[in-house]
PDB file of N, CA and C in Angstrom:
ATOM      1  N   MET A   1      10.961  -2.657   5.532  1.00  0.00           N
ATOM      2  CA  MET A   1      11.166  -2.575   6.758  1.00  0.00           C
ATOM      3  C   MET A   1      11.121  -0.980   6.837  1.00  0.00           C
ATOM      4  N   THR A   2      10.711  -0.441   8.134  1.00  0.00           N
ATOM      5  CA  THR A   2      10.947   0.871   8.690  1.00  0.00           C
ATOM      6  C   THR A   2      12.033   0.744   9.877  1.00  0.00           C
ATOM      7  N   CYS A   3      12.918   2.113   9.493  1.00  0.00           N
ATOM      8  CA  CYS A   3      13.744   2.237  10.594  1.00  0.00           C
ATOM      9  C   CYS A   3      13.651   3.915  10.806  1.00  0.00           C
ATOM     10  N   CYS A   4      14.515   4.152  11.601  1.00  0.00           N
ATOM     11  CA  CYS A   4      14.460   5.451  12.454  1.00  0.00           C
ATOM     12  C   CYS A   4      15.709   5.990  11.291  1.00  0.00           C
ATOM     13  N   ASN A   5      15.645   7.270  11.206  1.00  0.00           N
ATOM     14  CA  ASN A   5      16.968   7.686  10.603  1.00  0.00           C
ATOM     15  C   ASN A   5      16.943   9.213  10.555  1.00  0.00           C
ATOM     16  N   GLN A   6      16.729   9.533  12.419  1.00  0.00           N
ATOM     17  CA  GLN A   6      16.660  10.939  12.814  1.00  0.00           C
ATOM     18  C   GLN A   6      18.283  10.900  13.575  1.00  0.00           C
ATOM     19  N   GLN A   7      18.891  11.781  13.610  1.00  0.00           N
ATOM     20  CA  GLN A   7      20.257  12.001  14.056  1.00  0.00           C
ATOM     21  C   GLN A   7      20.312  12.809  15.577  1.00  0.00           C
ATOM     22  N   SER A   8      20.949  12.174  16.572  1.00  0.00           N
ATOM     23  CA  SER A   8      20.928  12.401  17.672  1.00  0.00           C
ATOM     24  C   SER A   8      19.616  12.446  18.483  1.00  0.00           C
ATOM     25  N   SER A   9      19.342  13.468  18.999  1.00  0.00           N
ATOM     26  CA  SER A   9      18.107  13.824  20.150  1.00  0.00           C
ATOM     27  C   SER A   9      17.254  14.301  18.827  1.00  0.00           C
ATOM     28  N   GLN A  10      17.257  14.790  17.469  1.00  0.00           N
ATOM     29  CA  GLN A  10      16.281  15.483  16.728  1.00  0.00           C
ATOM     30  C   GLN A  10      14.878  14.375  16.816  1.00  0.00           C
ATOM     31  N   PRO A  11      13.538  15.155  16.913  1.00  0.00           N
ATOM     32  CA  PRO A  11      12.474  14.368  16.476  1.00  0.00           C
ATOM     33  C   PRO A  11      12.657  13.255  15.665  1.00  0.00           C
ATOM     34  N   LYS A  12      11.677  12.028  16.044  1.00  0.00           N
ATOM     35  CA  LYS A  12      11.945  10.726  15.430  1.00  0.00           C
ATOM     36  C   LYS A  12      11.273  11.176  13.973  1.00  0.00           C
ATOM     37  N   THR A  13      12.268  10.672  12.921  1.00  0.00           N
ATOM     38  CA  THR A  13      11.532  10.268  11.634  1.00  0.00           C
ATOM     39  C   THR A  13      11.967   8.997  11.323  1.00  0.00           C
ATOM     40  N   THR A  14      11.284   8.423  10.040  1.00  0.00           N
ATOM     41  CA  THR A  14      11.650   7.042   9.759  1.00  0.00           C
ATOM     42  C   THR A  14      11.820   7.170   8.146  1.00  0.00           C
ATOM     43  N   THR A  15      12.022   6.226   7.598  1.00  0.00           N
ATOM     44  CA  THR A  15      12.204   5.878   6.460  1.00  0.00           C
ATOM     45  C   THR A  15      11.858   4.306   6.013  1.00  0.00           C
ATOM     46  N   ASN A  16      11.602   3.799   4.903  1.00  0.00           N
ATOM     47  CA  ASN A  16      11.264   2.529   4.299  1.00  0.00           C
ATOM     48  C   ASN A  16      12.891   2.060   3.564  1.00  0.00           C
ATOM     49  N   CYS A  17      13.289   0.998   3.869  1.00  0.00           N
ATOM     50  CA  CYS A  17      14.553   0.235   3.545  1.00  0.00           C
ATOM     51  C   CYS A  17      14.487  -0.963   2.914  1.00  0.00           C
ATOM     52  N   ALA A  18      14.871  -0.925   2.150  1.00  0.00           N
ATOM     53  CA  ALA A  18      15.089  -2.532   1.112  1.00  0.00           C
ATOM     54  C   ALA A  18      15.753  -3.444   2.092  1.00  0.00           C
ATOM     55  N   GLU A  19      16.788  -2.673   2.916  1.00  0.00           N
ATOM     56  CA  GLU A  19      17.450  -3.806   4.137  1.00  0.00           C
ATOM     57  C   GLU A  19      16.564  -4.819   4.812  1.00  0.00           C
ATOM     58  N   SER A  20      17.297  -5.771   5.530  1.00  0.00           N
ATOM     59  CA  SER A  20      16.360  -6.328   6.519  1.00  0.00           C
ATOM     60  C   SER A  20      16.778  -6.105   7.732  1.00  0.00           C
ATOM     61  N   SER A  21      17.235  -4.784   8.067  1.00  0.00           N
ATOM     62  CA  SER A  21      18.259  -4.533   9.357  1.00  0.00           C
ATOM     63  C   SER A  21      18.033  -3.045   9.404  1.00  0.00           C
ATOM     64  N   CYS A  22      18.240  -2.383  10.743  1.00  0.00           N
ATOM     65  CA  CYS A  22      18.025  -1.434  11.251  1.00  0.00           C
ATOM     66  C   CYS A  22      19.323  -1.005  11.973  1.00  0.00           C
ATOM     67  N   TYR A  23      20.245   0.240  11.881  1.00  0.00           N
ATOM     68  CA  TYR A  23      21.231   0.344  12.929  1.00  0.00           C
ATOM     69  C   TYR A  23      21.208   1.375  13.819  1.00  0.00           C
ATOM     70  N   LYS A  24      21.846   1.551  14.964  1.00  0.00           N
ATOM     71  CA  LYS A  24      22.324   3.071  15.359  1.00  0.00           C
ATOM     72  C   LYS A  24      23.748   3.034  16.268  1.00  0.00           C
ATOM     73  N   LYS A  25      24.399   3.990  15.503  1.00  0.00           N
ATOM     74  CA  LYS A  25      25.712   4.438  15.775  1.00  0.00           C
ATOM     75  C   LYS A  25      25.642   5.280  16.815  1.00  0.00           C
ATOM     76  N   THR A  26      26.527   5.034  17.972  1.00  0.00           N
ATOM     77  CA  THR A  26      26.763   5.709  18.954  1.00  0.00           C
ATOM     78  C   THR A  26      28.487   6.092  19.378  1.00  0.00           C
ATOM     79  N   TRP A  27      28.690   7.398  19.367  1.00  0.00           N
ATOM     80  CA  TRP A  27      30.220   7.782  19.804  1.00  0.00           C
ATOM     81  C   TRP A  27      30.197   9.342  20.145  1.00  0.00           C
ATOM     82  N   ARG A  28      31.365   9.202  20.629  1.00  0.00           N
ATOM     83  CA  ARG A  28      31.701  11.199  21.565  1.00  0.00           C
ATOM     84  C   ARG A  28      32.927  11.676  20.575  1.00  0.00           C
ATOM     85  N   ASP A  29      32.438  12.992  20.619  1.00  0.00           N
ATOM     86  CA  ASP A  29      33.435  13.817  19.830  1.00  0.00           C
ATOM     87  C   ASP A  29      33.222  15.308  20.530  1.00  0.00           C
ATOM     88  N   PHE A  30      33.826  16.127  19.909  1.00  0.00           N
ATOM     89  CA  PHE A  30      34.230  17.271  20.816  1.00  0.00           C
ATOM     90  C   PHE A  30      32.665  17.603  21.260  1.00  0.00           C
ATOM     91  N   ARG A  31      31.404  17.596  20.319  1.00  0.00           N
ATOM     92  CA  ARG A  31      30.160  18.514  20.587  1.00  0.00           C
ATOM     93  C   ARG A  31      29.461  17.420  21.343  1.00  0.00           C
ATOM     94  N   GLY A  32      30.055  16.160  21.969  1.00  0.00           N
ATOM     95  CA  GLY A  32      29.368  15.459  22.922  1.00  0.00           C
ATOM     96  C   GLY A  32      28.691  13.968  22.227  1.00  0.00           C
ATOM     97  N   THR A  33      27.780  13.326  22.842  1.00  0.00           N
ATOM     98  CA  THR A  33      27.419  12.157  22.577  1.00  0.00           C
ATOM     99  C   THR A  33      26.738  12.437  21.109  1.00  0.00           C
ATOM    100  N   ARG A  34      26.911  11.694  19.980  1.00  0.00           N
ATOM    101  CA  ARG A  34      26.618  11.724  18.504  1.00  0.00           C
ATOM    102  C   ARG A  34      25.701  10.462  18.152  1.00  0.00           C
ATOM    103  N   ILE A  35      24.747  10.323  17.952  1.00  0.00           N
ATOM    104  CA  ILE A  35      23.864   9.074  17.089  1.00  0.00           C
ATOM    105  C   ILE A  35      23.316   8.808  15.689  1.00  0.00           C
ATOM    106  N   GLU A  36      23.860   8.301  15.071  1.00  0.00           N
ATOM    107  CA  GLU A  36      23.194   8.315  13.874  1.00  0.00           C
ATOM    108  C   GLU A  36      22.525   6.954  13.729  1.00  0.00           C
ATOM    109  N   ARG A  37      21.323   7.323  13.026  1.00  0.00           N
ATOM    110  CA  ARG A  37      20.210   6.108  12.769  1.00  0.00           C
ATOM    111  C   ARG A  37      20.235   5.569  11.311  1.00  0.00           C
ATOM    112  N   GLY A  38      19.269   4.125  10.973  1.00  0.00           N
ATOM    113  CA  GLY A  38      19.680   4.267   9.612  1.00  0.00           C
ATOM    114  C   GLY A  38      19.626   2.967   8.792  1.00  0.00           C
ATOM    115  N   CYS A  39      19.286   2.608   7.768  1.00  0.00           N
ATOM    116  CA  CYS A  39      19.255   1.586   7.239  1.00  0.00           C
ATOM    117  C   CYS A  39      19.998   0.319   6.978  1.00  0.00           C
ATOM    118  N   GLY A  40      19.826  -1.034   7.147  1.00  0.00           N
ATOM    119  CA  GLY A  40      21.601  -2.013   7.108  1.00  0.00           C
ATOM    120  C   GLY A  40      21.877  -2.147   8.289  1.00  0.00           C
ATOM    121  N   CYS A  41      23.262  -2.399   8.182  1.00  0.00           N
ATOM    122  CA  CYS A  41      23.970  -2.758   9.173  1.00  0.00           C
ATOM    123  C   CYS A  41      25.653  -2.741   8.605  1.00  0.00           C
ATOM    124  N   PRO A  42      26.177  -1.392   8.953  1.00  0.00           N
ATOM    125  CA  PRO A  42      27.532  -1.061   8.413  1.00  0.00           C
ATOM    126  C   PRO A  42      28.369  -1.222   9.349  1.00  0.00           C
ATOM    127  N   GLN A  43      29.613  -1.599   8.491  1.00  0.00           N
ATOM    128  CA  GLN A  43      30.960  -1.588   9.259  1.00  0.00           C
ATOM    129  C   GLN A  43      31.411  -0.173   9.894  1.00  0.00           C
ATOM    130  N   VAL A  44      31.887  -0.635  11.129  1.00  0.00           N
ATOM    131  CA  VAL A  44      31.896   0.805  11.978  1.00  0.00           C
ATOM    132  C   VAL A  44      33.733   1.084  12.064  1.00  0.00           C
ATOM    133  N   LYS A  45      34.187   2.237  12.534  1.00  0.00           N
ATOM    134  CA  LYS A  45      35.723   2.373  12.824  1.00  0.00           C
ATOM    135  C   LYS A  45      35.434   2.044  14.543  1.00  0.00           C
ATOM    136  N   PRO A  46      36.871   1.559  15.039  1.00  0.00           N
ATOM    137  CA  PRO A  46      36.904   1.594  16.336  1.00  0.00           C
ATOM    138  C   PRO A  46      36.560   2.534  17.157  1.00  0.00           C
ATOM    139  N   GLY A  47      35.708   2.122  18.594  1.00  0.00           N
ATOM    140  CA  GLY A  47      35.640   3.577  19.213  1.00  0.00           C
ATOM    141  C   GLY A  47      33.990   3.725  18.901  1.00  0.00           C
ATOM    142  N   ILE A  48      33.148   3.359  17.732  1.00  0.00           N
ATOM    143  CA  ILE A  48      31.891   3.658  17.366  1.00  0.00           C
ATOM    144  C   ILE A  48      31.516   2.297  18.099  1.00  0.00           C
ATOM    145  N   LYS A  49      30.109   2.948  19.007  1.00  0.00           N
ATOM    146  CA  LYS A  49      29.215   1.722  19.275  1.00  0.00           C
ATOM    147  C   LYS A  49      28.040   1.229  18.379  1.00  0.00           C
ATOM    148  N   LEU A  50      28.010  -0.123  17.635  1.00  0.00           N
ATOM    149  CA  LEU A  50      26.987   0.159  16.539  1.00  0.00           C
ATOM    150  C   LEU A  50      25.673  -0.855  17.451  1.00  0.00           C
ATOM    151  N   GLU A  51      24.639  -0.814  17.122  1.00  0.00           N
ATOM    152  CA  GLU A  51      23.880  -1.594  17.676  1.00  0.00           C
ATOM    153  C   GLU A  51      22.756  -1.934  15.945  1.00  0.00           C
ATOM    154  N   CYS A  52      22.534  -2.944  15.529  1.00  0.00           N
ATOM    155  CA  CYS A  52      21.996  -3.400  14.435  1.00  0.00           C
ATOM    156  C   CYS A  52      20.624  -5.042  15.366  1.00  0.00           C
ATOM    157  N   CYS A  53      19.139  -4.108  14.561  1.00  0.00           N
ATOM    158  CA  CYS A  53      18.222  -4.740  14.912  1.00  0.00           C
ATOM    159  C   CYS A  53      17.354  -5.177  13.783  1.00  0.00           C
ATOM    160  N   HIS A  54      16.475  -5.875  14.066  1.00  0.00           N
ATOM    161  CA  HIS A  54      15.494  -6.605  12.916  1.00  0.00           C
ATOM    162  C   HIS A  54      14.397  -6.377  12.822  1.00  0.00           C
ATOM    163  N   THR A  55      13.515  -5.437  13.355  1.00  0.00           N
ATOM    164  CA  THR A  55      12.204  -5.080  13.552  1.00  0.00           C
ATOM    165  C   THR A  55      12.059  -3.946  13.335  1.00  0.00           C
ATOM    166  N   ASN A  56      10.894  -3.350  12.682  1.00  0.00           N
ATOM    167  CA  ASN A  56      10.130  -2.242  12.333  1.00  0.00           C
ATOM    168  C   ASN A  56      10.713  -1.241  13.440  1.00  0.00           C
ATOM    169  N   GLU A  57      11.504   0.460  13.124  1.00  0.00           N
ATOM    170  CA  GLU A  57      11.727   1.304  14.069  1.00  0.00           C
ATOM    171  C   GLU A  57      12.381   0.718  15.445  1.00  0.00           C
ATOM    172  N   CYS A  58      12.851  -0.309  15.422  1.00  0.00           N
ATOM    173  CA  CYS A  58      13.855  -0.622  16.574  1.00  0.00           C
ATOM    174  C   CYS A  58      14.997  -0.039  17.012  1.00  0.00           C
ATOM    175  N   ASN A  59      15.226   0.714  15.958  1.00  0.00           N
ATOM    176  CA  ASN A  59      16.807   1.336  16.297  1.00  0.00           C
ATOM    177  C   ASN A  59      16.489   3.320  16.597  1.00  0.00           C
ATOM    178  N   ASN A  60      15.364   3.298  17.188  1.00  0.00           N
ATOM    179  CA  ASN A  60      15.007   4.763  17.677  1.00  0.00           C
ATOM    180  C   ASN A  60      16.055   4.900  19.227  1.00  0.00           C
TER     181      ASN A  60
END
């Protein structure tokens, strides 16, 4: 599976993953809205929005 792995609003980059899902985490801090993308579907702390999906590059 191919997942996007760029941070926040950086240009799109992808990585090949062994997992069958991709994730996109969104949260706010003193720098504004932060976005992290990657492979799998991790546990997150309260206050962090997590979206998991199961198709190539679905987490852009």
